[in-house]
C-alpha atoms as a PDB file:
ATOM      1  CA  MET A   1     -26.041 -17.734  34.881  1.00  0.00           C
ATOM      2  CA  LYS A   2     -24.239 -19.554  32.182  1.00  0.00           C
ATOM      3  CA  TYR A   3     -25.620 -17.243  29.647  1.00  0.00           C
ATOM      4  CA  ILE A   4     -24.598 -14.166  31.543  1.00  0.00           C
ATOM      5  CA  HIS A   5     -21.291 -15.620  31.907  1.00  0.00           C
ATOM      6  CA  TYR A   6     -21.001 -16.359  28.206  1.00  0.00           C
ATOM      7  CA  LEU A   7     -21.974 -12.586  27.326  1.00  0.00           C
ATOM      8  CA  ALA A   8     -19.243 -11.345  29.750  1.00  0.00           C
ATOM      9  CA  SER A   9     -16.778 -13.672  28.135  1.00  0.00           C
ATOM     10  CA  LEU A  10     -17.790 -12.552  24.691  1.00  0.00           C
ATOM     11  CA  CYS A  11     -17.156  -8.862  25.928  1.00  0.00           C
ATOM     12  CA  LEU A  12     -13.765  -9.660  27.211  1.00  0.00           C
ATOM     13  CA  LEU A  13     -12.870 -11.337  24.063  1.00  0.00           C
ATOM     14  CA  PHE A  14     -14.312  -8.644  21.756  1.00  0.00           C
ATOM     15  CA  SER A  15     -13.840  -5.822  24.115  1.00  0.00           C
ATOM     16  CA  THR A  16     -13.243  -3.341  21.205  1.00  0.00           C
ATOM     17  CA  TYR A  17     -16.671  -4.101  19.919  1.00  0.00           C
ATOM     18  CA  CYS A  18     -18.524  -3.812  23.486  1.00  0.00           C
ATOM     19  CA  TYR A  19     -16.837  -0.693  24.719  1.00  0.00           C
ATOM     20  CA  SER A  20     -15.513   1.205  21.551  1.00  0.00           C
ATOM     21  CA  GLN A  21     -16.645   4.583  20.830  1.00  0.00           C
ATOM     22  CA  ASP A  22     -18.458   5.120  17.635  1.00  0.00           C
ATOM     23  CA  TYR A  23     -18.089   8.530  16.105  1.00  0.00           C
ATOM     24  CA  GLN A  24     -21.063   9.242  13.790  1.00  0.00           C
ATOM     25  CA  ILE A  25     -19.583  12.167  11.618  1.00  0.00           C
ATOM     26  CA  GLU A  26     -21.074  13.314   8.482  1.00  0.00           C
ATOM     27  CA  ASP A  27     -18.979  12.657   5.305  1.00  0.00           C
ATOM     28  CA  LYS A  28     -18.679  16.409   4.533  1.00  0.00           C
ATOM     29  CA  TYR A  29     -16.665  16.898   7.723  1.00  0.00           C
ATOM     30  CA  ARG A  30     -14.668  13.578   7.911  1.00  0.00           C
ATOM     31  CA  GLY A  31     -11.883  14.530   5.520  1.00  0.00           C
ATOM     32  CA  ASP A  32     -10.126  12.199   3.054  1.00  0.00           C
ATOM     33  CA  PRO A  33      -9.375   8.449   3.928  1.00  0.00           C
ATOM     34  CA  PHE A  34      -6.290   8.550   1.984  1.00  0.00           C
ATOM     35  CA  PHE A  35      -4.437  10.199   4.995  1.00  0.00           C
ATOM     36  CA  ARG A  36      -5.128   7.249   7.265  1.00  0.00           C
ATOM     37  CA  LYS A  37      -1.939   5.528   6.128  1.00  0.00           C
ATOM     38  CA  ILE A  38       0.916   7.217   4.318  1.00  0.00           C
ATOM     39  CA  ASP A  39       4.062   6.054   2.875  1.00  0.00           C
ATOM     40  CA  MET A  40       5.954   9.352   3.073  1.00  0.00           C
ATOM     41  CA  ASN A  41       8.997   8.461   0.951  1.00  0.00           C
ATOM     42  CA  LYS A  42       6.839   6.976  -1.868  1.00  0.00           C
ATOM     43  CA  LEU A  43       4.519   9.868  -1.648  1.00  0.00           C
ATOM     44  CA  GLU A  44       7.318  12.343  -1.978  1.00  0.00           C
ATOM     45  CA  LYS A  45       8.752  10.321  -5.052  1.00  0.00           C
ATOM     46  CA  ASP A  46       5.230  10.313  -6.867  1.00  0.00           C
ATOM     47  CA  CYS A  47       4.607  13.955  -6.239  1.00  0.00           C
ATOM     48  CA  THR A  48       7.870  15.417  -7.257  1.00  0.00           C
ATOM     49  CA  TYR A  49       8.065  16.716 -10.708  1.00  0.00           C
ATOM     50  CA  PRO A  50      10.823  15.908 -13.108  1.00  0.00           C
ATOM     51  CA  LEU A  51      13.448  18.737 -13.790  1.00  0.00           C
ATOM     52  CA  ASP A  52      11.982  19.202 -17.277  1.00  0.00           C
ATOM     53  CA  TYR A  53       8.205  19.420 -16.051  1.00  0.00           C
ATOM     54  CA  TRP A  54       7.458  22.847 -17.018  1.00  0.00           C
ATOM     55  CA  GLN A  55       8.968  22.379 -20.579  1.00  0.00           C
ATOM     56  CA  LEU A  56       6.595  19.591 -21.254  1.00  0.00           C
ATOM     57  CA  ASP A  57       3.514  20.074 -23.060  1.00  0.00           C
ATOM     58  CA  ASN A  58      -0.152  19.901 -21.211  1.00  0.00           C
ATOM     59  CA  THR A  59      -0.788  16.295 -22.174  1.00  0.00           C
ATOM     60  CA  LYS A  60       2.662  14.944 -20.568  1.00  0.00           C
ATOM     61  CA  GLN A  61       2.133  17.243 -17.586  1.00  0.00           C
ATOM     62  CA  LYS A  62      -1.344  15.511 -16.877  1.00  0.00           C
ATOM     63  CA  GLU A  63       0.412  12.141 -17.154  1.00  0.00           C
ATOM     64  CA  ILE A  64       2.817  13.100 -14.488  1.00  0.00           C
ATOM     65  CA  ASP A  65       0.241  14.606 -12.335  1.00  0.00           C
ATOM     66  CA  LYS A  66      -1.810  11.183 -12.354  1.00  0.00           C
ATOM     67  CA  LEU A  67       1.110   9.710 -10.514  1.00  0.00           C
ATOM     68  CA  CYS A  68       0.484  11.930  -7.394  1.00  0.00           C
ATOM     69  CA  PRO A  69      -2.623  10.668  -5.609  1.00  0.00           C
ATOM     70  CA  LEU A  70      -2.882  14.126  -3.876  1.00  0.00           C
ATOM     71  CA  ASN A  71      -4.148  15.472  -7.239  1.00  0.00           C
ATOM     72  CA  TYR A  72      -7.137  13.247  -6.988  1.00  0.00           C
ATOM     73  CA  LEU A  73      -8.561  13.482  -3.654  1.00  0.00           C
ATOM     74  CA  LYS A  74     -12.320  12.698  -3.216  1.00  0.00           C
ATOM     75  CA  PHE A  75     -12.928  14.989  -0.336  1.00  0.00           C
ATOM     76  CA  ASP A  76     -13.317  18.824  -1.118  1.00  0.00           C
ATOM     77  CA  PHE A  77     -11.167  20.519   1.502  1.00  0.00           C
ATOM     78  CA  THR A  78     -11.930  24.086   0.229  1.00  0.00           C
ATOM     79  CA  SER A  79     -15.680  23.450   0.964  1.00  0.00           C
ATOM     80  CA  LEU A  80     -15.010  23.229   4.684  1.00  0.00           C
ATOM     81  CA  HIS A  81     -14.853  27.042   5.244  1.00  0.00           C
ATOM     82  CA  LYS A  82     -18.224  27.575   3.989  1.00  0.00           C
ATOM     83  CA  PHE A  83     -19.608  25.303   6.617  1.00  0.00           C
ATOM     84  CA  ILE A  84     -17.993  26.880   9.741  1.00  0.00           C
ATOM     85  CA  TYR A  85     -17.041  30.534   8.610  1.00  0.00           C
ATOM     86  CA  GLN A  86     -20.213  31.854  10.760  1.00  0.00           C
ATOM     87  CA  GLY A  87     -19.095  30.094  13.939  1.00  0.00           C
ATOM     88  CA  PRO A  88     -18.024  26.682  15.341  1.00  0.00           C
ATOM     89  CA  ARG A  89     -19.925  23.630  14.003  1.00  0.00           C
ATOM     90  CA  VAL A  90     -20.620  20.642  15.985  1.00  0.00           C
ATOM     91  CA  ILE A  91     -19.648  17.569  13.942  1.00  0.00           C
ATOM     92  CA  TYR A  92     -20.054  14.896  16.822  1.00  0.00           C
ATOM     93  CA  ASN A  93     -22.594  15.067  19.752  1.00  0.00           C
ATOM     94  CA  GLY A  94     -21.956  12.369  22.370  1.00  0.00           C
ATOM     95  CA  GLN A  95     -23.215  11.896  25.699  1.00  0.00           C
ATOM     96  CA  ASP A  96     -20.207  13.240  27.364  1.00  0.00           C
ATOM     97  CA  PHE A  97     -18.624  15.602  24.887  1.00  0.00           C
ATOM     98  CA  GLN A  98     -18.787  17.225  21.554  1.00  0.00           C
ATOM     99  CA  LEU A  99     -16.317  17.600  18.634  1.00  0.00           C
ATOM    100  CA  THR A 100     -16.404  21.006  16.978  1.00  0.00           C
ATOM    101  CA  LEU A 101     -14.694  22.526  13.836  1.00  0.00           C
ATOM    102  CA  SER A 102     -13.950  26.182  14.168  1.00  0.00           C
ATOM    103  CA  MET A 103     -11.499  29.011  13.002  1.00  0.00           C
ATOM    104  CA  PRO A 104     -10.625  32.343  14.199  1.00  0.00           C
ATOM    105  CA  LEU A 105     -13.106  34.886  12.889  1.00  0.00           C
ATOM    106  CA  ASN A 106     -13.344  38.841  12.965  1.00  0.00           C
ATOM    107  CA  GLU A 107     -15.904  41.558  12.130  1.00  0.00           C
ATOM    108  CA  TYR A 108     -14.847  41.608   8.574  1.00  0.00           C
ATOM    109  CA  ASP A 109     -15.840  37.869   7.743  1.00  0.00           C
ATOM    110  CA  ILE A 110     -18.759  38.302   5.610  1.00  0.00           C
ATOM    111  CA  ALA A 111     -18.144  35.310   3.132  1.00  0.00           C
ATOM    112  CA  PRO A 112     -16.201  31.984   2.912  1.00  0.00           C
ATOM    113  CA  GLU A 113     -13.725  33.255   0.424  1.00  0.00           C
ATOM    114  CA  THR A 114     -12.335  35.894   2.904  1.00  0.00           C
ATOM    115  CA  ILE A 115     -11.109  33.137   5.130  1.00  0.00           C
ATOM    116  CA  LEU A 116      -9.739  30.451   2.833  1.00  0.00           C
ATOM    117  CA  GLY A 117      -6.172  30.471   4.355  1.00  0.00           C
ATOM    118  CA  ARG A 118      -7.139  30.345   8.123  1.00  0.00           C
ATOM    119  CA  GLU A 119      -6.413  27.420  10.311  1.00  0.00           C
ATOM    120  CA  ILE A 120      -9.344  25.041  11.178  1.00  0.00           C
ATOM    121  CA  SER A 121      -9.229  23.496  14.716  1.00  0.00           C
ATOM    122  CA  LEU A 122     -10.701  20.485  16.055  1.00  0.00           C
ATOM    123  CA  SER A 123     -11.923  20.898  19.673  1.00  0.00           C
ATOM    124  CA  ILE A 124     -13.291  18.545  22.489  1.00  0.00           C
ATOM    125  CA  ILE A 125     -16.151  20.302  24.363  1.00  0.00           C
ATOM    126  CA  ASN A 126     -17.529  19.456  27.698  1.00  0.00           C
ATOM    127  CA  ASP A 127     -20.401  21.592  29.306  1.00  0.00           C
ATOM    128  CA  ASN A 128     -19.576  24.444  27.012  1.00  0.00           C
ATOM    129  CA  ILE A 129     -15.801  24.288  28.090  1.00  0.00           C
ATOM    130  CA  VAL A 130     -13.058  23.590  25.458  1.00  0.00           C
ATOM    131  CA  LYS A 131     -11.158  20.643  27.062  1.00  0.00           C
ATOM    132  CA  ASP A 132      -8.623  20.360  24.270  1.00  0.00           C
ATOM    133  CA  LYS A 133      -7.816  21.582  20.779  1.00  0.00           C
ATOM    134  CA  ILE A 134      -5.610  20.562  17.725  1.00  0.00           C
ATOM    135  CA  TYR A 135      -4.766  22.073  14.458  1.00  0.00           C
ATOM    136  CA  LEU A 136      -6.698  20.075  11.850  1.00  0.00           C
ATOM    137  CA  ALA A 137      -6.378  21.813   8.371  1.00  0.00           C
ATOM    138  CA  ASN A 138      -6.017  24.976   6.328  1.00  0.00           C
ATOM    139  CA  ASN A 139      -5.954  25.889   2.787  1.00  0.00           C
ATOM    140  CA  PHE A 140      -2.968  27.667   0.856  1.00  0.00           C
ATOM    141  CA  MET A 141      -0.636  29.724   3.199  1.00  0.00           C
ATOM    142  CA  SER A 142       2.340  31.321   1.892  1.00  0.00           C
ATOM    143  CA  ILE A 143       5.850  30.161   3.225  1.00  0.00           C
ATOM    144  CA  GLY A 144       8.020  31.826   0.737  1.00  0.00           C
ATOM    145  CA  GLU A 145       7.975  33.721  -2.573  1.00  0.00           C
ATOM    146  CA  LEU A 146       7.479  30.442  -4.495  1.00  0.00           C
ATOM    147  CA  SER A 147       6.046  28.214  -2.055  1.00  0.00           C
ATOM    148  CA  VAL A 148       2.867  27.461  -0.156  1.00  0.00           C
ATOM    149  CA  ALA A 149       1.891  25.113   2.586  1.00  0.00           C
ATOM    150  CA  TYR A 150      -1.416  23.598   3.861  1.00  0.00           C
ATOM    151  CA  GLN A 151      -2.745  20.622   5.829  1.00  0.00           C
ATOM    152  CA  ARG A 152      -5.241  17.897   5.085  1.00  0.00           C
ATOM    153  CA  TYR A 153      -6.904  15.292   7.450  1.00  0.00           C
ATOM    154  CA  TYR A 154      -9.245  12.415   8.001  1.00  0.00           C
ATOM    155  CA  ILE A 155     -11.351  11.415  11.219  1.00  0.00           C
ATOM    156  CA  SER A 156     -12.153   7.603  11.398  1.00  0.00           C
ATOM    157  CA  GLN A 157     -15.309   6.214  12.665  1.00  0.00           C
ATOM    158  CA  GLN A 158     -13.239   4.963  15.669  1.00  0.00           C
ATOM    159  CA  GLY A 159     -12.117   8.528  16.617  1.00  0.00           C
ATOM    160  CA  ASP A 160      -8.657   8.226  15.175  1.00  0.00           C
ATOM    161  CA  ILE A 161      -7.412  11.603  13.536  1.00  0.00           C
ATOM    162  CA  TYR A 162      -4.981  11.605  10.838  1.00  0.00           C
ATOM    163  CA  THR A 163      -3.285  14.882   9.598  1.00  0.00           C
ATOM    164  CA  LEU A 164      -0.679  15.597   6.924  1.00  0.00           C
ATOM    165  CA  TYR A 165       1.171  18.853   6.653  1.00  0.00           C
ATOM    166  CA  LEU A 166       2.206  19.624   2.822  1.00  0.00           C
ATOM    167  CA  GLY A 167       4.396  22.110   0.980  1.00  0.00           C
ATOM    168  CA  GLU A 168       3.825  22.852  -2.608  1.00  0.00           C
ATOM    169  CA  SER A 169       6.268  24.661  -5.098  1.00  0.00           C
ATOM    170  CA  ASP A 170       7.367  24.542  -8.832  1.00  0.00           C
ATOM    171  CA  ALA A 171       9.229  21.340  -7.787  1.00  0.00           C
ATOM    172  CA  GLY A 172       5.877  19.554  -6.897  1.00  0.00           C
ATOM    173  CA  ILE A 173       4.026  18.549  -3.590  1.00  0.00           C
ATOM    174  CA  LEU A 174       6.139  17.593  -0.581  1.00  0.00           C
ATOM    175  CA  PRO A 175       4.809  15.610   2.370  1.00  0.00           C
ATOM    176  CA  ILE A 176       6.364  17.229   5.341  1.00  0.00           C
ATOM    177  CA  LEU A 177       4.660  15.844   8.668  1.00  0.00           C
ATOM    178  CA  TRP A 178       2.009  13.080   9.272  1.00  0.00           C
ATOM    179  CA  LYS A 179       0.429  12.545  12.555  1.00  0.00           C
ATOM    180  CA  HIS A 180      -2.055  10.338  14.211  1.00  0.00           C
ATOM    181  CA  TYR A 181      -3.953  11.307  17.100  1.00  0.00           C
ATOM    182  CA  GLN A 182      -6.448   9.473  19.428  1.00  0.00           C
ATOM    183  CA  ILE A 183      -9.275  10.848  21.683  1.00  0.00           C
ATOM    184  CA  ASP A 184      -8.957   9.979  25.223  1.00  0.00           C
ATOM    185  CA  THR A 185     -12.526   9.859  26.517  1.00  0.00           C
ATOM    186  CA  GLN A 186     -11.539   9.684  30.101  1.00  0.00           C
ATOM    187  CA  THR A 187      -9.320  12.930  30.253  1.00  0.00           C
ATOM    188  CA  MET A 188     -11.283  14.414  27.315  1.00  0.00           C
ATOM    189  CA  LYS A 189      -7.809  15.243  25.594  1.00  0.00           C
ATOM    190  CA  PHE A 190      -6.199  14.397  22.285  1.00  0.00           C
ATOM    191  CA  LYS A 191      -3.378  11.993  22.579  1.00  0.00           C
ATOM    192  CA  LEU A 192      -0.646  12.254  19.639  1.00  0.00           C
ATOM    193  CA  ILE A 193       0.613   8.543  19.340  1.00  0.00           C
ATOM    194  CA  GLN A 194       2.336   8.535  15.884  1.00  0.00           C
ATOM    195  CA  ILE A 195       4.403  10.933  13.810  1.00  0.00           C
ATOM    196  CA  ASP A 196       6.256  10.410  10.402  1.00  0.00           C
ATOM    197  CA  TRP A 197       8.750  13.088   9.116  1.00  0.00           C
ATOM    198  CA  GLY A 198       9.765  10.476   6.285  1.00  0.00           C
ATOM    199  CA  SER A 199      13.184   9.885   7.781  1.00  0.00           C
ATOM    200  CA  VAL A 200      11.977   9.866  11.370  1.00  0.00           C
ATOM    201  CA  LYS A 201       9.005   7.703  12.589  1.00  0.00           C
ATOM    202  CA  ILE A 202       7.679   7.404  16.133  1.00  0.00           C
ATOM    203  CA  THR A 203       4.884   5.290  17.309  1.00  0.00           C
ATOM    204  CA  LEU A 204       4.151   5.395  21.104  1.00  0.00           C
ATOM    205  CA  PRO A 205       5.030   3.714  23.393  1.00  0.00           C
ATOM    206  CA  ASP A 206       8.169   1.910  22.121  1.00  0.00           C
ATOM    207  CA  ASN A 207       9.132   2.578  18.655  1.00  0.00           C
ATOM    208  CA  PHE A 208      11.565   5.090  17.342  1.00  0.00           C
ATOM    209  CA  THR A 209      12.901   4.714  13.779  1.00  0.00           C
ATOM    210  CA  ALA A 210      15.433   6.996  12.159  1.00  0.00           C
ATOM    211  CA  LEU A 211      16.492   6.508   8.553  1.00  0.00           C
ATOM    212  CA  PRO A 212      19.840   7.699   7.177  1.00  0.00           C
ATOM    213  CA  ASN A 213      19.799   9.997   4.208  1.00  0.00           C
ATOM    214  CA  PRO A 214      21.706   7.898   1.549  1.00  0.00           C
ATOM    215  CA  GLU A 215      22.761  11.099  -0.306  1.00  0.00           C
ATOM    216  CA  GLN A 216      24.656  12.218   2.881  1.00  0.00           C
ATOM    217  CA  LYS A 217      27.684  10.186   3.544  1.00  0.00           C
ATOM    218  CA  VAL A 218      29.399  10.842   7.007  1.00  0.00           C
ATOM    219  CA  ASN A 219      33.142  10.320   7.214  1.00  0.00           C
ATOM    220  CA  TYR A 220      33.503   9.048  10.681  1.00  0.00           C
ATOM    221  CA  LYS A 221      37.306   9.362  10.440  1.00  0.00           C
ATOM    222  CA  ASP A 222      36.910  13.017   9.924  1.00  0.00           C
ATOM    223  CA  LYS A 223      38.513  15.203  12.652  1.00  0.00           C
ATOM    224  CA  GLU A 224      35.325  17.307  13.059  1.00  0.00           C
ATOM    225  CA  PHE A 225      33.243  14.452  13.368  1.00  0.00           C
ATOM    226  CA  LYS A 226      35.544  13.000  16.242  1.00  0.00           C
ATOM    227  CA  LYS A 227      35.099  16.343  17.901  1.00  0.00           C
ATOM    228  CA  CYS A 228      31.304  15.703  17.814  1.00  0.00           C
ATOM    229  CA  LEU A 229      31.855  12.086  19.457  1.00  0.00           C
ATOM    230  CA  LYS A 230      33.348  13.745  22.235  1.00  0.00           C
ATOM    231  CA  ASP A 231      30.727  16.388  22.680  1.00  0.00           C
ATOM    232  CA  GLU A 232      27.572  16.126  20.296  1.00  0.00           C
ATOM    233  CA  THR A 233      26.555  19.480  21.724  1.00  0.00           C
ATOM    234  CA  SER A 234      29.360  21.269  20.116  1.00  0.00           C
ATOM    235  CA  GLU A 235      28.694  23.769  17.204  1.00  0.00           C
ATOM    236  CA  GLY A 236      28.264  22.199  13.804  1.00  0.00           C
ATOM    237  CA  CYS A 237      27.519  18.697  15.295  1.00  0.00           C
ATOM    238  CA  PHE A 238      24.181  17.051  14.240  1.00  0.00           C
ATOM    239  CA  ASP A 239      22.562  14.482  16.820  1.00  0.00           C
ATOM    240  CA  PHE A 240      21.528  12.279  14.022  1.00  0.00           C
ATOM    241  CA  LYS A 241      24.920  11.711  12.733  1.00  0.00           C
ATOM    242  CA  VAL A 242      26.286  10.929  16.007  1.00  0.00           C
ATOM    243  CA  TYR A 243      23.111   8.444  16.561  1.00  0.00           C
ATOM    244  CA  PHE A 244      23.871   6.740  13.354  1.00  0.00           C
ATOM    245  CA  TYR A 245      27.533   6.168  14.342  1.00  0.00           C
ATOM    246  CA  TYR A 246      26.752   4.547  17.740  1.00  0.00           C
ATOM    247  CA  LEU A 247      24.051   2.641  16.119  1.00  0.00           C
ATOM    248  CA  GLU A 248      26.289   0.937  13.662  1.00  0.00           C
ATOM    249  CA  GLN A 249      28.883   0.359  16.361  1.00  0.00           C
ATOM    250  CA  LEU A 250      26.304  -1.177  18.546  1.00  0.00           C
ATOM    251  CA  LYS A 251      24.838  -3.496  16.042  1.00  0.00           C
ATOM    252  CA  SER A 252      28.232  -4.661  14.918  1.00  0.00           C
ATOM    253  CA  LYS A 253      29.413  -5.389  18.597  1.00  0.00           C
ATOM    254  CA  MET A 254      26.227  -7.192  19.397  1.00  0.00           C
ATOM    255  CA  GLU A 255      26.587  -9.503  16.408  1.00  0.00           C
ATOM    256  CA  LEU A 256      30.093 -10.448  17.607  1.00  0.00           C
ATOM    257  CA  LEU A 257      28.735 -11.222  20.837  1.00  0.00           C
ATOM    258  CA  THR A 258      26.017 -13.292  19.614  1.00  0.00           C
ATOM    259  CA  LYS A 259      28.472 -15.315  17.595  1.00  0.00           C
ATOM    260  CA  LYS A 260      30.691 -15.756  20.611  1.00  0.00           C
ATOM    261  CA  GLN A 261      27.994 -17.003  22.868  1.00  0.00           C
ATOM    262  CA  LYS A 262      26.126 -18.947  20.143  1.00  0.00           C
ATOM    263  CA  ASP A 263      22.860 -17.109  21.054  1.00  0.00           C
ATOM    264  CA  LYS A 264      20.224 -17.169  18.322  1.00  0.00           C
ATOM    265  CA  LYS A 265      18.307 -14.357  20.083  1.00  0.00           C
ATOM    266  CA  ASN A 266      17.924 -10.943  18.276  1.00  0.00           C
ATOM    267  CA  ARG A 267      19.795  -8.975  21.113  1.00  0.00           C
ATOM    268  CA  PHE A 268      19.609  -5.611  19.355  1.00  0.00           C
ATOM    269  CA  SER A 269      15.819  -5.737  18.645  1.00  0.00           C
ATOM    270  CA  LEU A 270      14.994  -6.491  22.429  1.00  0.00           C
ATOM    271  CA  PHE A 271      17.485  -3.930  23.684  1.00  0.00           C
ATOM    272  CA  LYS A 272      16.129  -1.269  21.056  1.00  0.00           C
ATOM    273  CA  GLN A 273      12.454  -1.691  22.158  1.00  0.00           C
ATOM    274  CA  LYS A 274      13.279  -1.334  25.682  1.00  0.00           C
ATOM    275  CA  LEU A 275      15.465   1.874  25.057  1.00  0.00           C
ATOM    276  CA  ASP A 276      12.746   3.490  22.885  1.00  0.00           C
ATOM    277  CA  LYS A 277      10.196   2.770  25.413  1.00  0.00           C
ATOM    278  CA  LYS A 278      12.370   4.545  28.232  1.00  0.00           C
ATOM    279  CA  CYS A 279      13.270   7.655  25.927  1.00  0.00           C
ATOM    280  CA  LEU A 280       9.556   7.981  24.620  1.00  0.00           C
ATOM    281  CA  ALA A 281       8.167   8.142  28.157  1.00  0.00           C
ATOM    282  CA  THR A 282       7.373  11.745  27.699  1.00  0.00           C
ATOM    283  CA  PRO A 283       4.101  12.413  25.630  1.00  0.00           C
ATOM    284  CA  LEU A 284       4.647  13.761  22.222  1.00  0.00           C
ATOM    285  CA  PRO A 285       3.888  17.404  21.948  1.00  0.00           C
ATOM    286  CA  PHE A 286       1.438  19.072  19.498  1.00  0.00           C
ATOM    287  CA  ASP A 287       3.445  22.110  18.710  1.00  0.00           C
ATOM    288  CA  ASP A 288       5.829  21.619  15.743  1.00  0.00           C
ATOM    289  CA  ASP A 289       8.595  23.745  17.196  1.00  0.00           C
ATOM    290  CA  GLU A 290       8.273  21.665  20.552  1.00  0.00           C
ATOM    291  CA  LEU A 291       8.483  18.585  18.346  1.00  0.00           C
ATOM    292  CA  HIS A 292      11.911  19.465  17.039  1.00  0.00           C
ATOM    293  CA  HIS A 293      13.006  20.131  20.708  1.00  0.00           C
ATOM    294  CA  TYR A 294      11.502  16.829  21.730  1.00  0.00           C
ATOM    295  CA  LEU A 295      13.314  14.868  19.040  1.00  0.00           C
ATOM    296  CA  ASN A 296      16.719  16.344  19.942  1.00  0.00           C
ATOM    297  CA  ASN A 297      16.086  15.226  23.434  1.00  0.00           C
ATOM    298  CA  LEU A 298      15.150  11.754  22.085  1.00  0.00           C
ATOM    299  CA  TYR A 299      18.287  11.472  20.028  1.00  0.00           C
ATOM    300  CA  SER A 300      20.394  12.521  23.310  1.00  0.00           C
ATOM    301  CA  CYS A 301      18.394   9.791  25.154  1.00  0.00           C
ATOM    302  CA  GLU A 302      19.082   7.118  22.603  1.00  0.00           C
ATOM    303  CA  ILE A 303      22.738   7.954  22.189  1.00  0.00           C
ATOM    304  CA  LYS A 304      23.193   7.772  25.868  1.00  0.00           C
ATOM    305  CA  GLY A 305      21.666   4.385  25.959  1.00  0.00           C
ATOM    306  CA  PHE A 306      23.778   3.153  22.956  1.00  0.00           C
ATOM    307  CA  LYS A 307      26.826   4.372  24.804  1.00  0.00           C
ATOM    308  CA  GLU A 308      26.150   2.520  27.907  1.00  0.00           C
ATOM    309  CA  GLU A 309      25.199  -0.792  26.044  1.00  0.00           C
ATOM    310  CA  LEU A 310      28.295  -0.526  23.863  1.00  0.00           C
ATOM    311  CA  SER A 311      30.462  -0.341  27.114  1.00  0.00           C
ATOM    312  CA  ARG A 312      28.875  -3.397  28.459  1.00  0.00           C
ATOM    313  CA  ILE A 313      29.128  -5.400  25.500  1.00  0.00           C
ATOM    314  CA  GLU A 314      32.706  -4.435  24.984  1.00  0.00           C
ATOM    315  CA  LYS A 315      33.559  -5.761  28.480  1.00  0.00           C
ATOM    316  CA  GLN A 316      31.955  -9.035  27.768  1.00  0.00           C
ATOM    317  CA  LEU A 317      33.721  -9.335  24.491  1.00  0.00           C
ATOM    318  CA  ALA A 318      37.064  -8.664  26.328  1.00  0.00           C
ATOM    319  CA  HIS A 319      36.587 -11.714  28.497  1.00  0.00           C
END
């Protein structure tokens, strides 16, 4: 009995080892581990060309190219299409479900080179039924006369899925949106738990971080901005500008209250975490257009929370 109790205790203590799902996927389908963790701002800086890049000789251009890790990935993403152009490919076959890679096909698809620009999807399959699907990758897709976009990914052994959407032009390679998904084995659904736009970062369930653009200074005394404070939905008003205004006001007032009450607790961090959890209660949508709408609602929720807390603190400071 003691031995059984000891084993049970070990399982509770190391539950991730006892009950975690292990996804044995061949390396040729996994993607590149570089995308597991991204510093979006550093990557943008390293992969943006200097203004005189195209006037430099080939040797100097190669030196600059070496600064961008995206130019030296070990995984060959262009080879994916040749594995799946004839139909969906099962990359993981578990007891309860399978993971497959697939892309839209038609009768004219006779060779991998005819479908290089198409989207590759990752699906959860149970009893031959698609339970859920996410956009995983594609190769070059034109988004303008001088620009292309594409997406890269990595699937970890623990079943975490990371994607990075990129744009490329004569100015370099721009990281646009990083996502982190997990697989819910109970519901057989993908869960989007993290996104990073560079200036906006969300980690469920309780962390929303927005970073101001140092090149865009806002004059809070401007008449037009004061109109936005009265109604942030007015034309020409941007939620993130109003957000930073109330954020600064609230931090300042909280510092005054902390000094007045001689309280060493970090009031703002505790408040912000609770507010973030409340405003992030709705699951993150997969669709990028819906994400923009989600972000607008998130800003509105946070601004409302800032206003209410600011009003409460000002009353305490008045006494």
